[in-house]
C-alpha atoms as a PDB file:
ATOM      1  CA  UNK A   1      14.615  -5.430  13.719  1.00  0.00           C
ATOM      2  CA  UNK A   2      11.719  -5.636  15.278  1.00  0.00           C
ATOM      3  CA  UNK A   3       9.442  -2.099  16.494  1.00  0.00           C
ATOM      4  CA  UNK A   4      11.039  -2.843  19.978  1.00  0.00           C
ATOM      5  CA  UNK A   5      14.132  -1.929  18.854  1.00  0.00           C
ATOM      6  CA  UNK A   6      13.538   0.386  16.059  1.00  0.00           C
ATOM      7  CA  UNK A   7      12.775   2.581  18.318  1.00  0.00           C
ATOM      8  CA  UNK A   8      15.677   2.121  20.531  1.00  0.00           C
ATOM      9  CA  UNK A   9      17.760   2.297  18.332  1.00  0.00           C
ATOM     10  CA  UNK A  10      16.240   6.093  16.466  1.00  0.00           C
ATOM     11  CA  UNK A  11      15.875   7.351  20.290  1.00  0.00           C
ATOM     12  CA  UNK A  12      19.955   6.494  20.361  1.00  0.00           C
ATOM     13  CA  UNK A  13      20.403   7.768  17.073  1.00  0.00           C
ATOM     14  CA  UNK A  14      18.129  11.344  18.247  1.00  0.00           C
ATOM     15  CA  UNK A  15      20.168  11.494  22.015  1.00  0.00           C
ATOM     16  CA  UNK A  16      23.463  11.840  20.231  1.00  0.00           C
ATOM     17  CA  UNK A  17      22.523  13.782  17.241  1.00  0.00           C
ATOM     18  CA  UNK A  18      21.463  16.986  20.223  1.00  0.00           C
ATOM     19  CA  UNK A  19      24.573  14.986  22.056  1.00  0.00           C
ATOM     20  CA  UNK A  20      26.790  16.424  19.191  1.00  0.00           C
ATOM     21  CA  UNK A  21      25.362  19.789  18.579  1.00  0.00           C
ATOM     22  CA  UNK A  22      23.651  18.744  14.734  1.00  0.00           C
ATOM     23  CA  UNK A  23      21.494  21.416  13.283  1.00  0.00           C
ATOM     24  CA  UNK A  24      18.297  21.396  13.963  1.00  0.00           C
ATOM     25  CA  UNK A  25      16.479  20.340  10.591  1.00  0.00           C
ATOM     26  CA  UNK A  26      18.284  16.859  10.973  1.00  0.00           C
ATOM     27  CA  UNK A  27      17.143  16.804  15.104  1.00  0.00           C
ATOM     28  CA  UNK A  28      13.660  17.289  14.254  1.00  0.00           C
ATOM     29  CA  UNK A  29      13.462  15.360  11.495  1.00  0.00           C
ATOM     30  CA  UNK A  30      15.127  11.973  13.634  1.00  0.00           C
ATOM     31  CA  UNK A  31      12.030  13.437  16.304  1.00  0.00           C
ATOM     32  CA  UNK A  32       9.597  13.225  13.607  1.00  0.00           C
ATOM     33  CA  UNK A  33      10.525   9.831  12.333  1.00  0.00           C
ATOM     34  CA  UNK A  34      10.826   8.419  15.808  1.00  0.00           C
ATOM     35  CA  UNK A  35       7.230   9.886  16.276  1.00  0.00           C
ATOM     36  CA  UNK A  36       6.528   8.426  13.684  1.00  0.00           C
ATOM     37  CA  UNK A  37       7.129   4.286  14.885  1.00  0.00           C
ATOM     38  CA  UNK A  38       5.824   5.675  18.810  1.00  0.00           C
ATOM     39  CA  UNK A  39       2.427   5.323  17.290  1.00  0.00           C
ATOM     40  CA  UNK A  40       3.152   2.727  15.067  1.00  0.00           C
ATOM     41  CA  UNK A  41       3.398   0.749  18.273  1.00  0.00           C
ATOM     42  CA  UNK A  42       0.291   2.524  19.863  1.00  0.00           C
ATOM     43  CA  UNK A  43      -1.884   1.497  16.863  1.00  0.00           C
ATOM     44  CA  UNK A  44      -0.078  -1.896  18.249  1.00  0.00           C
ATOM     45  CA  UNK A  45      -0.485  -2.830  21.311  1.00  0.00           C
ATOM     46  CA  UNK A  46      -3.939  -1.029  20.868  1.00  0.00           C
ATOM     47  CA  UNK A  47      -4.613  -3.611  18.406  1.00  0.00           C
ATOM     48  CA  UNK A  48      -3.437  -6.256  20.544  1.00  0.00           C
ATOM     49  CA  UNK A  49      -5.663  -5.368  23.330  1.00  0.00           C
ATOM     50  CA  UNK A  50      -9.345  -5.556  21.900  1.00  0.00           C
END
C-alpha cells in the first residue's frame, strides 16, 4: 500500500470514528497518526521537486 492509500484509509477511519462518537483519545490518536502520514507525504513531495 502506498502512502496515498494509507492516508486515504486512515482519513476514512478518522471520519468513521467521529461519526460513531468514539472516545476523544481514539479520535486524537488517529488524528496524530494521520498528521504524521501527511507530513511524510509532503516531505517526499519536497524531495521530488528538488
